[in-house]
Amino acid sequence: MIRIINFSRALSVAFVLVLLCLAGTGPVLAEDVHLYVTWKGLEPDKCASAWLIARFADKKAKFRFLEKGTLTAEGIPFDTPQAKFRATHFTTTFGAILREYKLNEPALAMLDRIIRDIELNRWEKPLTEEGRGIEAAIDGLRKVEGETVEALQKSFVLFDWLYAHFQP
């Protein structure tokens, strides 16, 4: 009887793991709980999303870049096609994170509007004045610092400043 209970428990655990993998989340190992992974390529939505994660969603967040197209089971993916936190035709990665963590501050809403304007409003007249400046700043950062986690973290200063600027 004991063997049946242990087998039943193991089968239940295996079933849950299979469901998690099929759902696209995969099991997150304890040491990976604060690791966020994304593909190389500094751009405003990725930088703003990493800032939002680090400042509001997970203060212990660490980031790692992967080569474009790389799939990984480690960490929590963001701003990649299969990630829970990703851009679509209707939202940015930044917006997806805002909704997931129910972050409703006016300053964050303004940043969301700007990032959305940069990311999704490519062929129309810009809706915000700040969009072009942020895009230029991130482009310059990428050219000077390269596509590194350190450069990503340096972009956080820009978003700290903007967040402070938009505070009531």
C-alpha atoms as a PDB file:
ATOM      1  CA  MET A   1       0.000   0.000   0.000  1.00  0.00           C
ATOM      2  CA  ILE A   2       2.827   2.428   0.768  1.00  0.00           C
ATOM      3  CA  ARG A   3       4.320   1.907  -2.689  1.00  0.00           C
ATOM      4  CA  ILE A   4       0.996   2.774  -4.326  1.00  0.00           C
ATOM      5  CA  ILE A   5       0.719   6.033  -2.366  1.00  0.00           C
ATOM      6  CA  ASN A   6       4.292   7.041  -3.261  1.00  0.00           C
ATOM      7  CA  PHE A   7       3.722   6.126  -6.906  1.00  0.00           C
ATOM      8  CA  SER A   8       0.465   8.082  -6.886  1.00  0.00           C
ATOM      9  CA  ARG A   9       2.210  11.136  -5.395  1.00  0.00           C
ATOM     10  CA  ALA A  10       5.022  10.921  -7.957  1.00  0.00           C
ATOM     11  CA  LEU A  11       2.487  10.638 -10.749  1.00  0.00           C
ATOM     12  CA  SER A  12       0.637  13.724  -9.461  1.00  0.00           C
ATOM     13  CA  VAL A  13       3.857  15.746  -9.301  1.00  0.00           C
ATOM     14  CA  ALA A  14       4.820  14.623 -12.814  1.00  0.00           C
ATOM     15  CA  PHE A  15       1.367  15.596 -14.101  1.00  0.00           C
ATOM     16  CA  VAL A  16       1.659  19.098 -12.616  1.00  0.00           C
ATOM     17  CA  LEU A  17       5.126  19.559 -14.146  1.00  0.00           C
ATOM     18  CA  VAL A  18       3.835  18.457 -17.562  1.00  0.00           C
ATOM     19  CA  LEU A  19       0.948  20.940 -17.294  1.00  0.00           C
ATOM     20  CA  LEU A  20       3.355  23.747 -16.390  1.00  0.00           C
ATOM     21  CA  CYS A  21       5.579  22.945 -19.360  1.00  0.00           C
ATOM     22  CA  LEU A  22       2.609  22.767 -21.727  1.00  0.00           C
ATOM     23  CA  ALA A  23       1.395  26.120 -20.431  1.00  0.00           C
ATOM     24  CA  GLY A  24       4.730  27.624 -21.499  1.00  0.00           C
ATOM     25  CA  THR A  25       5.828  28.653 -18.043  1.00  0.00           C
ATOM     26  CA  GLY A  26       7.931  25.619 -17.160  1.00  0.00           C
ATOM     27  CA  PRO A  27       9.056  24.950 -13.645  1.00  0.00           C
ATOM     28  CA  VAL A  28      11.139  27.738 -12.148  1.00  0.00           C
ATOM     29  CA  LEU A  29      13.932  26.476  -9.941  1.00  0.00           C
ATOM     30  CA  ALA A  30      14.386  28.191  -6.576  1.00  0.00           C
ATOM     31  CA  GLU A  31      17.720  29.739  -7.586  1.00  0.00           C
ATOM     32  CA  ASP A  32      16.133  31.144 -10.780  1.00  0.00           C
ATOM     33  CA  VAL A  33      13.233  32.934  -9.075  1.00  0.00           C
ATOM     34  CA  HIS A  34      14.874  36.360  -9.431  1.00  0.00           C
ATOM     35  CA  LEU A  35      16.547  35.751 -12.810  1.00  0.00           C
ATOM     36  CA  TYR A  36      14.936  37.374 -15.845  1.00  0.00           C
ATOM     37  CA  VAL A  37      16.174  36.430 -19.293  1.00  0.00           C
ATOM     38  CA  THR A  38      15.709  38.142 -22.630  1.00  0.00           C
ATOM     39  CA  TRP A  39      17.363  38.284 -26.020  1.00  0.00           C
ATOM     40  CA  LYS A  40      20.167  40.705 -26.791  1.00  0.00           C
ATOM     41  CA  GLY A  41      19.060  44.001 -28.251  1.00  0.00           C
ATOM     42  CA  LEU A  42      18.723  47.172 -26.214  1.00  0.00           C
ATOM     43  CA  GLU A  43      15.591  49.063 -27.159  1.00  0.00           C
ATOM     44  CA  PRO A  44      13.194  51.256 -25.179  1.00  0.00           C
ATOM     45  CA  ASP A  45      10.518  48.651 -24.361  1.00  0.00           C
ATOM     46  CA  LYS A  46      13.081  46.094 -23.160  1.00  0.00           C
ATOM     47  CA  CYS A  47      14.946  48.665 -21.056  1.00  0.00           C
ATOM     48  CA  ALA A  48      11.754  50.139 -19.586  1.00  0.00           C
ATOM     49  CA  SER A  49      10.400  46.647 -18.857  1.00  0.00           C
ATOM     50  CA  ALA A  50      13.562  45.565 -17.070  1.00  0.00           C
ATOM     51  CA  TRP A  51      13.454  48.823 -15.075  1.00  0.00           C
ATOM     52  CA  LEU A  52       9.805  48.185 -14.154  1.00  0.00           C
ATOM     53  CA  ILE A  53      10.611  44.649 -13.020  1.00  0.00           C
ATOM     54  CA  ALA A  54      13.605  45.766 -10.944  1.00  0.00           C
ATOM     55  CA  ARG A  55      11.934  48.797  -9.366  1.00  0.00           C
ATOM     56  CA  PHE A  56       8.371  47.539  -8.793  1.00  0.00           C
ATOM     57  CA  ALA A  57       7.852  43.812  -9.429  1.00  0.00           C
ATOM     58  CA  ASP A  58      11.005  42.133  -8.078  1.00  0.00           C
ATOM     59  CA  LYS A  59      13.579  44.238  -6.253  1.00  0.00           C
ATOM     60  CA  LYS A  60      15.995  41.247  -6.266  1.00  0.00           C
ATOM     61  CA  ALA A  61      15.785  40.889 -10.047  1.00  0.00           C
ATOM     62  CA  LYS A  62      18.894  39.935 -11.985  1.00  0.00           C
ATOM     63  CA  PHE A  63      19.036  39.973 -15.761  1.00  0.00           C
ATOM     64  CA  ARG A  64      20.738  37.868 -18.407  1.00  0.00           C
ATOM     65  CA  PHE A  65      20.886  38.318 -22.173  1.00  0.00           C
ATOM     66  CA  LEU A  66      20.661  35.364 -24.524  1.00  0.00           C
ATOM     67  CA  GLU A  67      21.447  35.227 -28.211  1.00  0.00           C
ATOM     68  CA  LYS A  68      18.396  36.031 -30.327  1.00  0.00           C
ATOM     69  CA  GLY A  69      16.317  32.932 -30.954  1.00  0.00           C
ATOM     70  CA  THR A  70      17.657  31.053 -27.920  1.00  0.00           C
ATOM     71  CA  LEU A  71      15.140  29.120 -25.850  1.00  0.00           C
ATOM     72  CA  THR A  72      15.919  28.488 -22.204  1.00  0.00           C
ATOM     73  CA  ALA A  73      14.272  26.849 -19.215  1.00  0.00           C
ATOM     74  CA  GLU A  74      16.157  28.998 -16.730  1.00  0.00           C
ATOM     75  CA  GLY A  75      14.751  32.152 -15.230  1.00  0.00           C
ATOM     76  CA  ILE A  76      11.679  34.106 -16.235  1.00  0.00           C
ATOM     77  CA  PRO A  77      11.690  35.153 -19.894  1.00  0.00           C
ATOM     78  CA  PHE A  78      10.500  38.615 -20.949  1.00  0.00           C
ATOM     79  CA  ASP A  79      10.363  40.509 -24.233  1.00  0.00           C
ATOM     80  CA  THR A  80      10.709  37.352 -26.315  1.00  0.00           C
ATOM     81  CA  PRO A  81       7.986  35.879 -28.570  1.00  0.00           C
ATOM     82  CA  GLN A  82       6.976  33.027 -26.227  1.00  0.00           C
ATOM     83  CA  ALA A  83       7.317  34.905 -22.917  1.00  0.00           C
ATOM     84  CA  LYS A  84       4.370  35.787 -20.700  1.00  0.00           C
ATOM     85  CA  PHE A  85       5.665  39.374 -20.661  1.00  0.00           C
ATOM     86  CA  ARG A  86       5.963  40.284 -24.344  1.00  0.00           C
ATOM     87  CA  ALA A  87       4.830  42.825 -26.885  1.00  0.00           C
ATOM     88  CA  THR A  88       1.890  42.087 -29.168  1.00  0.00           C
ATOM     89  CA  HIS A  89       0.121  44.106 -31.848  1.00  0.00           C
ATOM     90  CA  PHE A  90      -1.860  45.817 -29.082  1.00  0.00           C
ATOM     91  CA  THR A  91       0.488  46.134 -26.117  1.00  0.00           C
ATOM     92  CA  THR A  92       4.104  46.503 -25.116  1.00  0.00           C
ATOM     93  CA  THR A  93       6.097  44.299 -22.775  1.00  0.00           C
ATOM     94  CA  PHE A  94       6.022  47.227 -20.342  1.00  0.00           C
ATOM     95  CA  GLY A  95       2.211  47.305 -20.528  1.00  0.00           C
ATOM     96  CA  ALA A  96       1.956  43.542 -19.987  1.00  0.00           C
ATOM     97  CA  ILE A  97       4.027  43.850 -16.796  1.00  0.00           C
ATOM     98  CA  LEU A  98       1.950  46.805 -15.584  1.00  0.00           C
ATOM     99  CA  ARG A  99      -1.240  44.775 -15.969  1.00  0.00           C
ATOM    100  CA  GLU A 100       0.175  41.610 -14.405  1.00  0.00           C
ATOM    101  CA  TYR A 101       1.334  43.411 -11.264  1.00  0.00           C
ATOM    102  CA  LYS A 102      -1.630  45.852 -11.205  1.00  0.00           C
ATOM    103  CA  LEU A 103       0.639  48.896 -11.167  1.00  0.00           C
ATOM    104  CA  ASN A 104      -1.706  51.861 -11.596  1.00  0.00           C
ATOM    105  CA  GLU A 105       0.354  54.924 -10.680  1.00  0.00           C
ATOM    106  CA  PRO A 106      -0.121  57.988 -12.926  1.00  0.00           C
ATOM    107  CA  ALA A 107       3.655  58.299 -13.539  1.00  0.00           C
ATOM    108  CA  LEU A 108       3.816  54.670 -14.692  1.00  0.00           C
ATOM    109  CA  ALA A 109       0.773  55.217 -16.904  1.00  0.00           C
ATOM    110  CA  MET A 110       2.602  58.117 -18.582  1.00  0.00           C
ATOM    111  CA  LEU A 111       5.691  55.958 -19.118  1.00  0.00           C
ATOM    112  CA  ASP A 112       3.431  53.259 -20.565  1.00  0.00           C
ATOM    113  CA  ARG A 113       1.963  55.806 -22.981  1.00  0.00           C
ATOM    114  CA  ILE A 114       5.430  56.883 -24.101  1.00  0.00           C
ATOM    115  CA  ILE A 115       6.766  53.335 -24.543  1.00  0.00           C
ATOM    116  CA  ARG A 116       3.580  52.356 -26.365  1.00  0.00           C
ATOM    117  CA  ASP A 117       4.024  55.364 -28.661  1.00  0.00           C
ATOM    118  CA  ILE A 118       7.630  54.359 -29.424  1.00  0.00           C
ATOM    119  CA  GLU A 119       6.874  50.661 -29.869  1.00  0.00           C
ATOM    120  CA  LEU A 120       3.483  50.576 -31.588  1.00  0.00           C
ATOM    121  CA  ASN A 121       3.093  53.940 -33.303  1.00  0.00           C
ATOM    122  CA  ARG A 122       5.755  53.569 -36.005  1.00  0.00           C
ATOM    123  CA  TRP A 123       3.896  55.065 -38.967  1.00  0.00           C
ATOM    124  CA  GLU A 124       1.817  57.794 -37.356  1.00  0.00           C
ATOM    125  CA  LYS A 125       2.706  61.178 -35.922  1.00  0.00           C
ATOM    126  CA  PRO A 126       4.197  60.671 -32.423  1.00  0.00           C
ATOM    127  CA  LEU A 127       1.701  61.109 -29.608  1.00  0.00           C
ATOM    128  CA  THR A 128       4.301  62.087 -27.022  1.00  0.00           C
ATOM    129  CA  GLU A 129       7.231  64.477 -27.162  1.00  0.00           C
ATOM    130  CA  GLU A 130       9.426  62.246 -24.983  1.00  0.00           C
ATOM    131  CA  GLY A 131       9.384  59.194 -27.257  1.00  0.00           C
ATOM    132  CA  ARG A 132      12.035  60.339 -29.705  1.00  0.00           C
ATOM    133  CA  GLY A 133      14.346  61.459 -26.901  1.00  0.00           C
ATOM    134  CA  ILE A 134      14.083  58.128 -25.103  1.00  0.00           C
ATOM    135  CA  GLU A 135      14.672  56.257 -28.338  1.00  0.00           C
ATOM    136  CA  ALA A 136      17.749  58.394 -29.087  1.00  0.00           C
ATOM    137  CA  ALA A 137      19.110  57.967 -25.541  1.00  0.00           C
ATOM    138  CA  ILE A 138      18.762  54.158 -25.660  1.00  0.00           C
ATOM    139  CA  ASP A 139      20.310  54.069 -29.146  1.00  0.00           C
ATOM    140  CA  GLY A 140      23.279  56.132 -27.914  1.00  0.00           C
ATOM    141  CA  LEU A 141      23.649  53.925 -24.835  1.00  0.00           C
ATOM    142  CA  ARG A 142      23.716  50.811 -27.046  1.00  0.00           C
ATOM    143  CA  LYS A 143      26.339  52.355 -29.341  1.00  0.00           C
ATOM    144  CA  VAL A 144      28.613  53.428 -26.467  1.00  0.00           C
ATOM    145  CA  GLU A 145      28.129  50.554 -24.006  1.00  0.00           C
ATOM    146  CA  GLY A 146      27.159  47.661 -26.264  1.00  0.00           C
ATOM    147  CA  GLU A 147      24.459  45.054 -25.726  1.00  0.00           C
ATOM    148  CA  THR A 148      25.274  44.165 -22.134  1.00  0.00           C
ATOM    149  CA  VAL A 149      23.435  43.710 -18.866  1.00  0.00           C
ATOM    150  CA  GLU A 150      25.497  46.612 -17.530  1.00  0.00           C
ATOM    151  CA  ALA A 151      24.157  48.841 -20.332  1.00  0.00           C
ATOM    152  CA  LEU A 152      20.628  47.663 -19.562  1.00  0.00           C
ATOM    153  CA  GLN A 153      21.110  48.630 -15.919  1.00  0.00           C
ATOM    154  CA  LYS A 154      22.524  52.022 -16.923  1.00  0.00           C
ATOM    155  CA  SER A 155      19.268  52.681 -18.779  1.00  0.00           C
ATOM    156  CA  PHE A 156      17.481  52.437 -15.425  1.00  0.00           C
ATOM    157  CA  VAL A 157      18.799  55.911 -14.542  1.00  0.00           C
ATOM    158  CA  LEU A 158      16.892  57.377 -17.494  1.00  0.00           C
ATOM    159  CA  PHE A 159      13.665  55.721 -16.360  1.00  0.00           C
ATOM    160  CA  ASP A 160      14.257  56.748 -12.737  1.00  0.00           C
ATOM    161  CA  TRP A 161      14.516  60.350 -13.938  1.00  0.00           C
ATOM    162  CA  LEU A 162      11.407  60.099 -16.111  1.00  0.00           C
ATOM    163  CA  TYR A 163       9.433  58.434 -13.325  1.00  0.00           C
ATOM    164  CA  ALA A 164      10.443  61.243 -10.937  1.00  0.00           C
ATOM    165  CA  HIS A 165       9.559  63.854 -13.572  1.00  0.00           C
ATOM    166  CA  PHE A 166       6.028  62.469 -13.995  1.00  0.00           C
ATOM    167  CA  GLN A 167       5.307  62.267 -10.274  1.00  0.00           C
ATOM    168  CA  PRO A 168       2.476  64.600  -9.250  1.00  0.00           C
END
